[in-house]
Amino acid sequence: MFLQVLGVLFLLLICAAGFFVWRLYRLARKRSGSDLATAIAVLPAMEMELEPSSARDWKEIQQLEYAESELKSVGAAHVGYYCAYHGHATIRVSMWNYKHQAVVVIYEGSSNGDSDHVRFVYEVSCRLPDGTLCVTSNQHALYDSRPARHRLVFREAGSILELLKAARSELERGEKISRIEDPKEYFMECYEDTTEWAWKPDQLRSDKTLQVLASVGVQVTEELMEDLVEMGQSHCVEVNINRARRKLVKNSRMNAAQWEKVRDRLVFVNECMKVDHLIEAVYELAGELSEVQERVIEGFEQNTEKLQDPVGAFQMLMQTLHIDAKRVAKMDSPVRTEVYLPL
């Protein structure tokens, strides 16, 4: 089961060495005091930040140096050292770019309660035209599940070069890989794809997720599941805002100074949004509202149970409230999105 691990897999930060799992989640449960908090602790983390780090932070520095010397010998370029946190686990990351054909990642995971006991994981990931292929040395991948287009394969490997060879052998005959220009961005995209999928209602209600929650003593009531589904919907909104923001930056003609000036003022509206998300976007654009506008908002909230067209509903709401804003961009993929700037 994927929650019996304390470390990471390339497509998703998860806990990696079963040695720690029960101690970690007993601690999480004791500190949180609620089934909801415990469920959040054991389900895939919605947010992941790769903080800049250094090789000096690694525990098994000799093992790291050996793996990195192998990568240098085949022409791989170092992307950077990072550190990430998930629950009570600390994960150190060394990321490499193999000739723009694959991203190779070395992980060292440890428990905050037992930082001397570490777990190494190697992974190689390639971008395919319709998804990704990730080959990992973490045996818990055998029990994990991913979106169909993200292939996850476990291979025993004595060295990271063996894993590179294994990745080549996993490619189907004639299957082409796509060039990876920005390894860190690719890493984050894979992470977002997987967490968004894991927090969809059908996955939250799946037998596997229910078994995971039961294994750490969570009583899954309908009320708890509704809370989790609502959180998953908000996560979907945020993931697609992040995607749209990256796409906007990439395609924008603004220089760095211009982008810094408007970045935090931009308001994103997409088709994943629910009523409360639209209302929040209205306040972001308008600031304070008059009493009349507040009554319109209340009426909209009370009379709207389900949105057939969130973007269209937002446009109508802005017109009804007589709020002026400049639409600076619109996009249809990965989901329909419009971007506004307050006037």
Foldseek 3Di string as FASTA:
>chain_A
DQQLAQEQFLLFRHHHHNVCRLVLLVVQCVVPVALLSSLCQHFTPLDKDWAADDLVPDLCSVLVVVQVVVCVVQPKAWDGWTWIDRRQKIKIWTWIQRVQFKIKIWIWMDGNVCRNDIDIKIKIKFAFPQAIEIEICGPCLVVDDFPPRYHYHYDHDPGNVVSVVVSVVPADVPTDTDGHDRVVVVSVLSNLRGSLVCQALVNCPDPVNVVSSVVSPRDDDPVSSVVSNVVSLVSVVVSVVVVVLVVCVVPDPDDPVVCVVQVVQKAKWFQSDDLVNLVVSVCSQAPDADPVLVVVSVVCVVPDDDDPGRVVVSVVSCVVRVADWDFPDFDPPPHTMIMTGHD
